[in-house]
Amino acid sequence: TSCQGRRGFGSCDLFESRKVGEQW
């Protein structure tokens, strides 16, 4: 969940990140 600082649709949105090698 991210509620500020990222472009979203509402007050809090769900974001995804994938691990590639050792980095997200």
PDBML (XML) file of the C-alpha atoms, coordinates in Angstrom:
<?xml version="1.0" encoding="UTF-8" ?>
<PDBx:datablock datablockName="MODEL"
   xmlns:PDBx="http://pdbml.pdb.org/schema/pdbx-v50.xsd"
   xmlns:xsi="http://www.w3.org/2001/XMLSchema-instance"
   xsi:schemaLocation="http://pdbml.pdb.org/schema/pdbx-v50.xsd pdbx-v50.xsd">
   <PDBx:atom_siteCategory>
      <PDBx:atom_site id="1">
         <PDBx:B_iso_or_equiv>0.00</PDBx:B_iso_or_equiv>
         <PDBx:Cartn_x>0.000</PDBx:Cartn_x>
         <PDBx:Cartn_y>0.000</PDBx:Cartn_y>
         <PDBx:Cartn_z>0.000</PDBx:Cartn_z>
         <PDBx:auth_asym_id>A</PDBx:auth_asym_id>
         <PDBx:auth_atom_id>CA</PDBx:auth_atom_id>
         <PDBx:auth_comp_id>THR</PDBx:auth_comp_id>
         <PDBx:auth_seq_id>1</PDBx:auth_seq_id>
         <PDBx:group_PDB>ATOM</PDBx:group_PDB>
         <PDBx:label_alt_id xsi:nil="true" />
         <PDBx:label_asym_id>A</PDBx:label_asym_id>
         <PDBx:label_atom_id>CA</PDBx:label_atom_id>
         <PDBx:label_comp_id>THR</PDBx:label_comp_id>
         <PDBx:label_entity_id>1</PDBx:label_entity_id>
         <PDBx:label_seq_id>1</PDBx:label_seq_id>
         <PDBx:occupancy>1.00</PDBx:occupancy>
         <PDBx:pdbx_PDB_model_num>1</PDBx:pdbx_PDB_model_num>
         <PDBx:type_symbol>C</PDBx:type_symbol>
      </PDBx:atom_site>
      <PDBx:atom_site id="2">
         <PDBx:B_iso_or_equiv>0.00</PDBx:B_iso_or_equiv>
         <PDBx:Cartn_x>1.193</PDBx:Cartn_x>
         <PDBx:Cartn_y>3.509</PDBx:Cartn_y>
         <PDBx:Cartn_z>-0.807</PDBx:Cartn_z>
         <PDBx:auth_asym_id>A</PDBx:auth_asym_id>
         <PDBx:auth_atom_id>CA</PDBx:auth_atom_id>
         <PDBx:auth_comp_id>SER</PDBx:auth_comp_id>
         <PDBx:auth_seq_id>2</PDBx:auth_seq_id>
         <PDBx:group_PDB>ATOM</PDBx:group_PDB>
         <PDBx:label_alt_id xsi:nil="true" />
         <PDBx:label_asym_id>A</PDBx:label_asym_id>
         <PDBx:label_atom_id>CA</PDBx:label_atom_id>
         <PDBx:label_comp_id>SER</PDBx:label_comp_id>
         <PDBx:label_entity_id>1</PDBx:label_entity_id>
         <PDBx:label_seq_id>2</PDBx:label_seq_id>
         <PDBx:occupancy>1.00</PDBx:occupancy>
         <PDBx:pdbx_PDB_model_num>1</PDBx:pdbx_PDB_model_num>
         <PDBx:type_symbol>C</PDBx:type_symbol>
      </PDBx:atom_site>
      <PDBx:atom_site id="3">
         <PDBx:B_iso_or_equiv>0.00</PDBx:B_iso_or_equiv>
         <PDBx:Cartn_x>-0.764</PDBx:Cartn_x>
         <PDBx:Cartn_y>6.587</PDBx:Cartn_y>
         <PDBx:Cartn_z>0.218</PDBx:Cartn_z>
         <PDBx:auth_asym_id>A</PDBx:auth_asym_id>
         <PDBx:auth_atom_id>CA</PDBx:auth_atom_id>
         <PDBx:auth_comp_id>CYS</PDBx:auth_comp_id>
         <PDBx:auth_seq_id>3</PDBx:auth_seq_id>
         <PDBx:group_PDB>ATOM</PDBx:group_PDB>
         <PDBx:label_alt_id xsi:nil="true" />
         <PDBx:label_asym_id>A</PDBx:label_asym_id>
         <PDBx:label_atom_id>CA</PDBx:label_atom_id>
         <PDBx:label_comp_id>CYS</PDBx:label_comp_id>
         <PDBx:label_entity_id>1</PDBx:label_entity_id>
         <PDBx:label_seq_id>3</PDBx:label_seq_id>
         <PDBx:occupancy>1.00</PDBx:occupancy>
         <PDBx:pdbx_PDB_model_num>1</PDBx:pdbx_PDB_model_num>
         <PDBx:type_symbol>C</PDBx:type_symbol>
      </PDBx:atom_site>
      <PDBx:atom_site id="4">
         <PDBx:B_iso_or_equiv>0.00</PDBx:B_iso_or_equiv>
         <PDBx:Cartn_x>1.488</PDBx:Cartn_x>
         <PDBx:Cartn_y>9.487</PDBx:Cartn_y>
         <PDBx:Cartn_z>-0.809</PDBx:Cartn_z>
         <PDBx:auth_asym_id>A</PDBx:auth_asym_id>
         <PDBx:auth_atom_id>CA</PDBx:auth_atom_id>
         <PDBx:auth_comp_id>GLN</PDBx:auth_comp_id>
         <PDBx:auth_seq_id>4</PDBx:auth_seq_id>
         <PDBx:group_PDB>ATOM</PDBx:group_PDB>
         <PDBx:label_alt_id xsi:nil="true" />
         <PDBx:label_asym_id>A</PDBx:label_asym_id>
         <PDBx:label_atom_id>CA</PDBx:label_atom_id>
         <PDBx:label_comp_id>GLN</PDBx:label_comp_id>
         <PDBx:label_entity_id>1</PDBx:label_entity_id>
         <PDBx:label_seq_id>4</PDBx:label_seq_id>
         <PDBx:occupancy>1.00</PDBx:occupancy>
         <PDBx:pdbx_PDB_model_num>1</PDBx:pdbx_PDB_model_num>
         <PDBx:type_symbol>C</PDBx:type_symbol>
      </PDBx:atom_site>
      <PDBx:atom_site id="5">
         <PDBx:B_iso_or_equiv>0.00</PDBx:B_iso_or_equiv>
         <PDBx:Cartn_x>4.321</PDBx:Cartn_x>
         <PDBx:Cartn_y>10.326</PDBx:Cartn_y>
         <PDBx:Cartn_z>-3.161</PDBx:Cartn_z>
         <PDBx:auth_asym_id>A</PDBx:auth_asym_id>
         <PDBx:auth_atom_id>CA</PDBx:auth_atom_id>
         <PDBx:auth_comp_id>GLY</PDBx:auth_comp_id>
         <PDBx:auth_seq_id>5</PDBx:auth_seq_id>
         <PDBx:group_PDB>ATOM</PDBx:group_PDB>
         <PDBx:label_alt_id xsi:nil="true" />
         <PDBx:label_asym_id>A</PDBx:label_asym_id>
         <PDBx:label_atom_id>CA</PDBx:label_atom_id>
         <PDBx:label_comp_id>GLY</PDBx:label_comp_id>
         <PDBx:label_entity_id>1</PDBx:label_entity_id>
         <PDBx:label_seq_id>5</PDBx:label_seq_id>
         <PDBx:occupancy>1.00</PDBx:occupancy>
         <PDBx:pdbx_PDB_model_num>1</PDBx:pdbx_PDB_model_num>
         <PDBx:type_symbol>C</PDBx:type_symbol>
      </PDBx:atom_site>
      <PDBx:atom_site id="6">
         <PDBx:B_iso_or_equiv>0.00</PDBx:B_iso_or_equiv>
         <PDBx:Cartn_x>3.314</PDBx:Cartn_x>
         <PDBx:Cartn_y>7.963</PDBx:Cartn_y>
         <PDBx:Cartn_z>-5.968</PDBx:Cartn_z>
         <PDBx:auth_asym_id>A</PDBx:auth_asym_id>
         <PDBx:auth_atom_id>CA</PDBx:auth_atom_id>
         <PDBx:auth_comp_id>ARG</PDBx:auth_comp_id>
         <PDBx:auth_seq_id>6</PDBx:auth_seq_id>
         <PDBx:group_PDB>ATOM</PDBx:group_PDB>
         <PDBx:label_alt_id xsi:nil="true" />
         <PDBx:label_asym_id>A</PDBx:label_asym_id>
         <PDBx:label_atom_id>CA</PDBx:label_atom_id>
         <PDBx:label_comp_id>ARG</PDBx:label_comp_id>
         <PDBx:label_entity_id>1</PDBx:label_entity_id>
         <PDBx:label_seq_id>6</PDBx:label_seq_id>
         <PDBx:occupancy>1.00</PDBx:occupancy>
         <PDBx:pdbx_PDB_model_num>1</PDBx:pdbx_PDB_model_num>
         <PDBx:type_symbol>C</PDBx:type_symbol>
      </PDBx:atom_site>
      <PDBx:atom_site id="7">
         <PDBx:B_iso_or_equiv>0.00</PDBx:B_iso_or_equiv>
         <PDBx:Cartn_x>0.777</PDBx:Cartn_x>
         <PDBx:Cartn_y>8.500</PDBx:Cartn_y>
         <PDBx:Cartn_z>-8.721</PDBx:Cartn_z>
         <PDBx:auth_asym_id>A</PDBx:auth_asym_id>
         <PDBx:auth_atom_id>CA</PDBx:auth_atom_id>
         <PDBx:auth_comp_id>ARG</PDBx:auth_comp_id>
         <PDBx:auth_seq_id>7</PDBx:auth_seq_id>
         <PDBx:group_PDB>ATOM</PDBx:group_PDB>
         <PDBx:label_alt_id xsi:nil="true" />
         <PDBx:label_asym_id>A</PDBx:label_asym_id>
         <PDBx:label_atom_id>CA</PDBx:label_atom_id>
         <PDBx:label_comp_id>ARG</PDBx:label_comp_id>
         <PDBx:label_entity_id>1</PDBx:label_entity_id>
         <PDBx:label_seq_id>7</PDBx:label_seq_id>
         <PDBx:occupancy>1.00</PDBx:occupancy>
         <PDBx:pdbx_PDB_model_num>1</PDBx:pdbx_PDB_model_num>
         <PDBx:type_symbol>C</PDBx:type_symbol>
      </PDBx:atom_site>
      <PDBx:atom_site id="8">
         <PDBx:B_iso_or_equiv>0.00</PDBx:B_iso_or_equiv>
         <PDBx:Cartn_x>-2.445</PDBx:Cartn_x>
         <PDBx:Cartn_y>6.804</PDBx:Cartn_y>
         <PDBx:Cartn_z>-7.713</PDBx:Cartn_z>
         <PDBx:auth_asym_id>A</PDBx:auth_asym_id>
         <PDBx:auth_atom_id>CA</PDBx:auth_atom_id>
         <PDBx:auth_comp_id>GLY</PDBx:auth_comp_id>
         <PDBx:auth_seq_id>8</PDBx:auth_seq_id>
         <PDBx:group_PDB>ATOM</PDBx:group_PDB>
         <PDBx:label_alt_id xsi:nil="true" />
         <PDBx:label_asym_id>A</PDBx:label_asym_id>
         <PDBx:label_atom_id>CA</PDBx:label_atom_id>
         <PDBx:label_comp_id>GLY</PDBx:label_comp_id>
         <PDBx:label_entity_id>1</PDBx:label_entity_id>
         <PDBx:label_seq_id>8</PDBx:label_seq_id>
         <PDBx:occupancy>1.00</PDBx:occupancy>
         <PDBx:pdbx_PDB_model_num>1</PDBx:pdbx_PDB_model_num>
         <PDBx:type_symbol>C</PDBx:type_symbol>
      </PDBx:atom_site>
      <PDBx:atom_site id="9">
         <PDBx:B_iso_or_equiv>0.00</PDBx:B_iso_or_equiv>
         <PDBx:Cartn_x>-6.168</PDBx:Cartn_x>
         <PDBx:Cartn_y>6.658</PDBx:Cartn_y>
         <PDBx:Cartn_z>-8.347</PDBx:Cartn_z>
         <PDBx:auth_asym_id>A</PDBx:auth_asym_id>
         <PDBx:auth_atom_id>CA</PDBx:auth_atom_id>
         <PDBx:auth_comp_id>PHE</PDBx:auth_comp_id>
         <PDBx:auth_seq_id>9</PDBx:auth_seq_id>
         <PDBx:group_PDB>ATOM</PDBx:group_PDB>
         <PDBx:label_alt_id xsi:nil="true" />
         <PDBx:label_asym_id>A</PDBx:label_asym_id>
         <PDBx:label_atom_id>CA</PDBx:label_atom_id>
         <PDBx:label_comp_id>PHE</PDBx:label_comp_id>
         <PDBx:label_entity_id>1</PDBx:label_entity_id>
         <PDBx:label_seq_id>9</PDBx:label_seq_id>
         <PDBx:occupancy>1.00</PDBx:occupancy>
         <PDBx:pdbx_PDB_model_num>1</PDBx:pdbx_PDB_model_num>
         <PDBx:type_symbol>C</PDBx:type_symbol>
      </PDBx:atom_site>
      <PDBx:atom_site id="10">
         <PDBx:B_iso_or_equiv>0.00</PDBx:B_iso_or_equiv>
         <PDBx:Cartn_x>-7.308</PDBx:Cartn_x>
         <PDBx:Cartn_y>7.343</PDBx:Cartn_y>
         <PDBx:Cartn_z>-4.768</PDBx:Cartn_z>
         <PDBx:auth_asym_id>A</PDBx:auth_asym_id>
         <PDBx:auth_atom_id>CA</PDBx:auth_atom_id>
         <PDBx:auth_comp_id>GLY</PDBx:auth_comp_id>
         <PDBx:auth_seq_id>10</PDBx:auth_seq_id>
         <PDBx:group_PDB>ATOM</PDBx:group_PDB>
         <PDBx:label_alt_id xsi:nil="true" />
         <PDBx:label_asym_id>A</PDBx:label_asym_id>
         <PDBx:label_atom_id>CA</PDBx:label_atom_id>
         <PDBx:label_comp_id>GLY</PDBx:label_comp_id>
         <PDBx:label_entity_id>1</PDBx:label_entity_id>
         <PDBx:label_seq_id>10</PDBx:label_seq_id>
         <PDBx:occupancy>1.00</PDBx:occupancy>
         <PDBx:pdbx_PDB_model_num>1</PDBx:pdbx_PDB_model_num>
         <PDBx:type_symbol>C</PDBx:type_symbol>
      </PDBx:atom_site>
      <PDBx:atom_site id="11">
         <PDBx:B_iso_or_equiv>0.00</PDBx:B_iso_or_equiv>
         <PDBx:Cartn_x>-6.165</PDBx:Cartn_x>
         <PDBx:Cartn_y>8.107</PDBx:Cartn_y>
         <PDBx:Cartn_z>-1.248</PDBx:Cartn_z>
         <PDBx:auth_asym_id>A</PDBx:auth_asym_id>
         <PDBx:auth_atom_id>CA</PDBx:auth_atom_id>
         <PDBx:auth_comp_id>SER</PDBx:auth_comp_id>
         <PDBx:auth_seq_id>11</PDBx:auth_seq_id>
         <PDBx:group_PDB>ATOM</PDBx:group_PDB>
         <PDBx:label_alt_id xsi:nil="true" />
         <PDBx:label_asym_id>A</PDBx:label_asym_id>
         <PDBx:label_atom_id>CA</PDBx:label_atom_id>
         <PDBx:label_comp_id>SER</PDBx:label_comp_id>
         <PDBx:label_entity_id>1</PDBx:label_entity_id>
         <PDBx:label_seq_id>11</PDBx:label_seq_id>
         <PDBx:occupancy>1.00</PDBx:occupancy>
         <PDBx:pdbx_PDB_model_num>1</PDBx:pdbx_PDB_model_num>
         <PDBx:type_symbol>C</PDBx:type_symbol>
      </PDBx:atom_site>
      <PDBx:atom_site id="12">
         <PDBx:B_iso_or_equiv>0.00</PDBx:B_iso_or_equiv>
         <PDBx:Cartn_x>-4.224</PDBx:Cartn_x>
         <PDBx:Cartn_y>4.831</PDBx:Cartn_y>
         <PDBx:Cartn_z>-0.941</PDBx:Cartn_z>
         <PDBx:auth_asym_id>A</PDBx:auth_asym_id>
         <PDBx:auth_atom_id>CA</PDBx:auth_atom_id>
         <PDBx:auth_comp_id>CYS</PDBx:auth_comp_id>
         <PDBx:auth_seq_id>12</PDBx:auth_seq_id>
         <PDBx:group_PDB>ATOM</PDBx:group_PDB>
         <PDBx:label_alt_id xsi:nil="true" />
         <PDBx:label_asym_id>A</PDBx:label_asym_id>
         <PDBx:label_atom_id>CA</PDBx:label_atom_id>
         <PDBx:label_comp_id>CYS</PDBx:label_comp_id>
         <PDBx:label_entity_id>1</PDBx:label_entity_id>
         <PDBx:label_seq_id>12</PDBx:label_seq_id>
         <PDBx:occupancy>1.00</PDBx:occupancy>
         <PDBx:pdbx_PDB_model_num>1</PDBx:pdbx_PDB_model_num>
         <PDBx:type_symbol>C</PDBx:type_symbol>
      </PDBx:atom_site>
      <PDBx:atom_site id="13">
         <PDBx:B_iso_or_equiv>0.00</PDBx:B_iso_or_equiv>
         <PDBx:Cartn_x>-3.483</PDBx:Cartn_x>
         <PDBx:Cartn_y>2.413</PDBx:Cartn_y>
         <PDBx:Cartn_z>-3.771</PDBx:Cartn_z>
         <PDBx:auth_asym_id>A</PDBx:auth_asym_id>
         <PDBx:auth_atom_id>CA</PDBx:auth_atom_id>
         <PDBx:auth_comp_id>ASP</PDBx:auth_comp_id>
         <PDBx:auth_seq_id>13</PDBx:auth_seq_id>
         <PDBx:group_PDB>ATOM</PDBx:group_PDB>
         <PDBx:label_alt_id xsi:nil="true" />
         <PDBx:label_asym_id>A</PDBx:label_asym_id>
         <PDBx:label_atom_id>CA</PDBx:label_atom_id>
         <PDBx:label_comp_id>ASP</PDBx:label_comp_id>
         <PDBx:label_entity_id>1</PDBx:label_entity_id>
         <PDBx:label_seq_id>13</PDBx:label_seq_id>
         <PDBx:occupancy>1.00</PDBx:occupancy>
         <PDBx:pdbx_PDB_model_num>1</PDBx:pdbx_PDB_model_num>
         <PDBx:type_symbol>C</PDBx:type_symbol>
      </PDBx:atom_site>
      <PDBx:atom_site id="14">
         <PDBx:B_iso_or_equiv>0.00</PDBx:B_iso_or_equiv>
         <PDBx:Cartn_x>-1.824</PDBx:Cartn_x>
         <PDBx:Cartn_y>-0.977</PDBx:Cartn_y>
         <PDBx:Cartn_z>-4.191</PDBx:Cartn_z>
         <PDBx:auth_asym_id>A</PDBx:auth_asym_id>
         <PDBx:auth_atom_id>CA</PDBx:auth_atom_id>
         <PDBx:auth_comp_id>LEU</PDBx:auth_comp_id>
         <PDBx:auth_seq_id>14</PDBx:auth_seq_id>
         <PDBx:group_PDB>ATOM</PDBx:group_PDB>
         <PDBx:label_alt_id xsi:nil="true" />
         <PDBx:label_asym_id>A</PDBx:label_asym_id>
         <PDBx:label_atom_id>CA</PDBx:label_atom_id>
         <PDBx:label_comp_id>LEU</PDBx:label_comp_id>
         <PDBx:label_entity_id>1</PDBx:label_entity_id>
         <PDBx:label_seq_id>14</PDBx:label_seq_id>
         <PDBx:occupancy>1.00</PDBx:occupancy>
         <PDBx:pdbx_PDB_model_num>1</PDBx:pdbx_PDB_model_num>
         <PDBx:type_symbol>C</PDBx:type_symbol>
      </PDBx:atom_site>
      <PDBx:atom_site id="15">
         <PDBx:B_iso_or_equiv>0.00</PDBx:B_iso_or_equiv>
         <PDBx:Cartn_x>1.506</PDBx:Cartn_x>
         <PDBx:Cartn_y>-1.143</PDBx:Cartn_y>
         <PDBx:Cartn_z>-6.021</PDBx:Cartn_z>
         <PDBx:auth_asym_id>A</PDBx:auth_asym_id>
         <PDBx:auth_atom_id>CA</PDBx:auth_atom_id>
         <PDBx:auth_comp_id>PHE</PDBx:auth_comp_id>
         <PDBx:auth_seq_id>15</PDBx:auth_seq_id>
         <PDBx:group_PDB>ATOM</PDBx:group_PDB>
         <PDBx:label_alt_id xsi:nil="true" />
         <PDBx:label_asym_id>A</PDBx:label_asym_id>
         <PDBx:label_atom_id>CA</PDBx:label_atom_id>
         <PDBx:label_comp_id>PHE</PDBx:label_comp_id>
         <PDBx:label_entity_id>1</PDBx:label_entity_id>
         <PDBx:label_seq_id>15</PDBx:label_seq_id>
         <PDBx:occupancy>1.00</PDBx:occupancy>
         <PDBx:pdbx_PDB_model_num>1</PDBx:pdbx_PDB_model_num>
         <PDBx:type_symbol>C</PDBx:type_symbol>
      </PDBx:atom_site>
      <PDBx:atom_site id="16">
         <PDBx:B_iso_or_equiv>0.00</PDBx:B_iso_or_equiv>
         <PDBx:Cartn_x>3.635</PDBx:Cartn_x>
         <PDBx:Cartn_y>-4.063</PDBx:Cartn_y>
         <PDBx:Cartn_z>-7.126</PDBx:Cartn_z>
         <PDBx:auth_asym_id>A</PDBx:auth_asym_id>
         <PDBx:auth_atom_id>CA</PDBx:auth_atom_id>
         <PDBx:auth_comp_id>GLU</PDBx:auth_comp_id>
         <PDBx:auth_seq_id>16</PDBx:auth_seq_id>
         <PDBx:group_PDB>ATOM</PDBx:group_PDB>
         <PDBx:label_alt_id xsi:nil="true" />
         <PDBx:label_asym_id>A</PDBx:label_asym_id>
         <PDBx:label_atom_id>CA</PDBx:label_atom_id>
         <PDBx:label_comp_id>GLU</PDBx:label_comp_id>
         <PDBx:label_entity_id>1</PDBx:label_entity_id>
         <PDBx:label_seq_id>16</PDBx:label_seq_id>
         <PDBx:occupancy>1.00</PDBx:occupancy>
         <PDBx:pdbx_PDB_model_num>1</PDBx:pdbx_PDB_model_num>
         <PDBx:type_symbol>C</PDBx:type_symbol>
      </PDBx:atom_site>
      <PDBx:atom_site id="17">
         <PDBx:B_iso_or_equiv>0.00</PDBx:B_iso_or_equiv>
         <PDBx:Cartn_x>7.365</PDBx:Cartn_x>
         <PDBx:Cartn_y>-4.569</PDBx:Cartn_y>
         <PDBx:Cartn_z>-7.419</PDBx:Cartn_z>
         <PDBx:auth_asym_id>A</PDBx:auth_asym_id>
         <PDBx:auth_atom_id>CA</PDBx:auth_atom_id>
         <PDBx:auth_comp_id>SER</PDBx:auth_comp_id>
         <PDBx:auth_seq_id>17</PDBx:auth_seq_id>
         <PDBx:group_PDB>ATOM</PDBx:group_PDB>
         <PDBx:label_alt_id xsi:nil="true" />
         <PDBx:label_asym_id>A</PDBx:label_asym_id>
         <PDBx:label_atom_id>CA</PDBx:label_atom_id>
         <PDBx:label_comp_id>SER</PDBx:label_comp_id>
         <PDBx:label_entity_id>1</PDBx:label_entity_id>
         <PDBx:label_seq_id>17</PDBx:label_seq_id>
         <PDBx:occupancy>1.00</PDBx:occupancy>
         <PDBx:pdbx_PDB_model_num>1</PDBx:pdbx_PDB_model_num>
         <PDBx:type_symbol>C</PDBx:type_symbol>
      </PDBx:atom_site>
      <PDBx:atom_site id="18">
         <PDBx:B_iso_or_equiv>0.00</PDBx:B_iso_or_equiv>
         <PDBx:Cartn_x>9.190</PDBx:Cartn_x>
         <PDBx:Cartn_y>-7.624</PDBx:Cartn_y>
         <PDBx:Cartn_z>-8.762</PDBx:Cartn_z>
         <PDBx:auth_asym_id>A</PDBx:auth_asym_id>
         <PDBx:auth_atom_id>CA</PDBx:auth_atom_id>
         <PDBx:auth_comp_id>ARG</PDBx:auth_comp_id>
         <PDBx:auth_seq_id>18</PDBx:auth_seq_id>
         <PDBx:group_PDB>ATOM</PDBx:group_PDB>
         <PDBx:label_alt_id xsi:nil="true" />
         <PDBx:label_asym_id>A</PDBx:label_asym_id>
         <PDBx:label_atom_id>CA</PDBx:label_atom_id>
         <PDBx:label_comp_id>ARG</PDBx:label_comp_id>
         <PDBx:label_entity_id>1</PDBx:label_entity_id>
         <PDBx:label_seq_id>18</PDBx:label_seq_id>
         <PDBx:occupancy>1.00</PDBx:occupancy>
         <PDBx:pdbx_PDB_model_num>1</PDBx:pdbx_PDB_model_num>
         <PDBx:type_symbol>C</PDBx:type_symbol>
      </PDBx:atom_site>
      <PDBx:atom_site id="19">
         <PDBx:B_iso_or_equiv>0.00</PDBx:B_iso_or_equiv>
         <PDBx:Cartn_x>12.550</PDBx:Cartn_x>
         <PDBx:Cartn_y>-8.915</PDBx:Cartn_y>
         <PDBx:Cartn_z>-7.647</PDBx:Cartn_z>
         <PDBx:auth_asym_id>A</PDBx:auth_asym_id>
         <PDBx:auth_atom_id>CA</PDBx:auth_atom_id>
         <PDBx:auth_comp_id>LYS</PDBx:auth_comp_id>
         <PDBx:auth_seq_id>19</PDBx:auth_seq_id>
         <PDBx:group_PDB>ATOM</PDBx:group_PDB>
         <PDBx:label_alt_id xsi:nil="true" />
         <PDBx:label_asym_id>A</PDBx:label_asym_id>
         <PDBx:label_atom_id>CA</PDBx:label_atom_id>
         <PDBx:label_comp_id>LYS</PDBx:label_comp_id>
         <PDBx:label_entity_id>1</PDBx:label_entity_id>
         <PDBx:label_seq_id>19</PDBx:label_seq_id>
         <PDBx:occupancy>1.00</PDBx:occupancy>
         <PDBx:pdbx_PDB_model_num>1</PDBx:pdbx_PDB_model_num>
         <PDBx:type_symbol>C</PDBx:type_symbol>
      </PDBx:atom_site>
      <PDBx:atom_site id="20">
         <PDBx:B_iso_or_equiv>0.00</PDBx:B_iso_or_equiv>
         <PDBx:Cartn_x>14.958</PDBx:Cartn_x>
         <PDBx:Cartn_y>-9.240</PDBx:Cartn_y>
         <PDBx:Cartn_z>-10.568</PDBx:Cartn_z>
         <PDBx:auth_asym_id>A</PDBx:auth_asym_id>
         <PDBx:auth_atom_id>CA</PDBx:auth_atom_id>
         <PDBx:auth_comp_id>VAL</PDBx:auth_comp_id>
         <PDBx:auth_seq_id>20</PDBx:auth_seq_id>
         <PDBx:group_PDB>ATOM</PDBx:group_PDB>
         <PDBx:label_alt_id xsi:nil="true" />
         <PDBx:label_asym_id>A</PDBx:label_asym_id>
         <PDBx:label_atom_id>CA</PDBx:label_atom_id>
         <PDBx:label_comp_id>VAL</PDBx:label_comp_id>
         <PDBx:label_entity_id>1</PDBx:label_entity_id>
         <PDBx:label_seq_id>20</PDBx:label_seq_id>
         <PDBx:occupancy>1.00</PDBx:occupancy>
         <PDBx:pdbx_PDB_model_num>1</PDBx:pdbx_PDB_model_num>
         <PDBx:type_symbol>C</PDBx:type_symbol>
      </PDBx:atom_site>
      <PDBx:atom_site id="21">
         <PDBx:B_iso_or_equiv>0.00</PDBx:B_iso_or_equiv>
         <PDBx:Cartn_x>18.219</PDBx:Cartn_x>
         <PDBx:Cartn_y>-10.767</PDBx:Cartn_y>
         <PDBx:Cartn_z>-9.454</PDBx:Cartn_z>
         <PDBx:auth_asym_id>A</PDBx:auth_asym_id>
         <PDBx:auth_atom_id>CA</PDBx:auth_atom_id>
         <PDBx:auth_comp_id>GLY</PDBx:auth_comp_id>
         <PDBx:auth_seq_id>21</PDBx:auth_seq_id>
         <PDBx:group_PDB>ATOM</PDBx:group_PDB>
         <PDBx:label_alt_id xsi:nil="true" />
         <PDBx:label_asym_id>A</PDBx:label_asym_id>
         <PDBx:label_atom_id>CA</PDBx:label_atom_id>
         <PDBx:label_comp_id>GLY</PDBx:label_comp_id>
         <PDBx:label_entity_id>1</PDBx:label_entity_id>
         <PDBx:label_seq_id>21</PDBx:label_seq_id>
         <PDBx:occupancy>1.00</PDBx:occupancy>
         <PDBx:pdbx_PDB_model_num>1</PDBx:pdbx_PDB_model_num>
         <PDBx:type_symbol>C</PDBx:type_symbol>
      </PDBx:atom_site>
      <PDBx:atom_site id="22">
         <PDBx:B_iso_or_equiv>0.00</PDBx:B_iso_or_equiv>
         <PDBx:Cartn_x>18.832</PDBx:Cartn_x>
         <PDBx:Cartn_y>-9.141</PDBx:Cartn_y>
         <PDBx:Cartn_z>-6.094</PDBx:Cartn_z>
         <PDBx:auth_asym_id>A</PDBx:auth_asym_id>
         <PDBx:auth_atom_id>CA</PDBx:auth_atom_id>
         <PDBx:auth_comp_id>GLU</PDBx:auth_comp_id>
         <PDBx:auth_seq_id>22</PDBx:auth_seq_id>
         <PDBx:group_PDB>ATOM</PDBx:group_PDB>
         <PDBx:label_alt_id xsi:nil="true" />
         <PDBx:label_asym_id>A</PDBx:label_asym_id>
         <PDBx:label_atom_id>CA</PDBx:label_atom_id>
         <PDBx:label_comp_id>GLU</PDBx:label_comp_id>
         <PDBx:label_entity_id>1</PDBx:label_entity_id>
         <PDBx:label_seq_id>22</PDBx:label_seq_id>
         <PDBx:occupancy>1.00</PDBx:occupancy>
         <PDBx:pdbx_PDB_model_num>1</PDBx:pdbx_PDB_model_num>
         <PDBx:type_symbol>C</PDBx:type_symbol>
      </PDBx:atom_site>
      <PDBx:atom_site id="23">
         <PDBx:B_iso_or_equiv>0.00</PDBx:B_iso_or_equiv>
         <PDBx:Cartn_x>17.048</PDBx:Cartn_x>
         <PDBx:Cartn_y>-5.850</PDBx:Cartn_y>
         <PDBx:Cartn_z>-6.892</PDBx:Cartn_z>
         <PDBx:auth_asym_id>A</PDBx:auth_asym_id>
         <PDBx:auth_atom_id>CA</PDBx:auth_atom_id>
         <PDBx:auth_comp_id>GLN</PDBx:auth_comp_id>
         <PDBx:auth_seq_id>23</PDBx:auth_seq_id>
         <PDBx:group_PDB>ATOM</PDBx:group_PDB>
         <PDBx:label_alt_id xsi:nil="true" />
         <PDBx:label_asym_id>A</PDBx:label_asym_id>
         <PDBx:label_atom_id>CA</PDBx:label_atom_id>
         <PDBx:label_comp_id>GLN</PDBx:label_comp_id>
         <PDBx:label_entity_id>1</PDBx:label_entity_id>
         <PDBx:label_seq_id>23</PDBx:label_seq_id>
         <PDBx:occupancy>1.00</PDBx:occupancy>
         <PDBx:pdbx_PDB_model_num>1</PDBx:pdbx_PDB_model_num>
         <PDBx:type_symbol>C</PDBx:type_symbol>
      </PDBx:atom_site>
      <PDBx:atom_site id="24">
         <PDBx:B_iso_or_equiv>0.00</PDBx:B_iso_or_equiv>
         <PDBx:Cartn_x>13.418</PDBx:Cartn_x>
         <PDBx:Cartn_y>-4.788</PDBx:Cartn_y>
         <PDBx:Cartn_z>-6.636</PDBx:Cartn_z>
         <PDBx:auth_asym_id>A</PDBx:auth_asym_id>
         <PDBx:auth_atom_id>CA</PDBx:auth_atom_id>
         <PDBx:auth_comp_id>TRP</PDBx:auth_comp_id>
         <PDBx:auth_seq_id>24</PDBx:auth_seq_id>
         <PDBx:group_PDB>ATOM</PDBx:group_PDB>
         <PDBx:label_alt_id xsi:nil="true" />
         <PDBx:label_asym_id>A</PDBx:label_asym_id>
         <PDBx:label_atom_id>CA</PDBx:label_atom_id>
         <PDBx:label_comp_id>TRP</PDBx:label_comp_id>
         <PDBx:label_entity_id>1</PDBx:label_entity_id>
         <PDBx:label_seq_id>24</PDBx:label_seq_id>
         <PDBx:occupancy>1.00</PDBx:occupancy>
         <PDBx:pdbx_PDB_model_num>1</PDBx:pdbx_PDB_model_num>
         <PDBx:type_symbol>C</PDBx:type_symbol>
      </PDBx:atom_site>
   </PDBx:atom_siteCategory>
</PDBx:datablock>
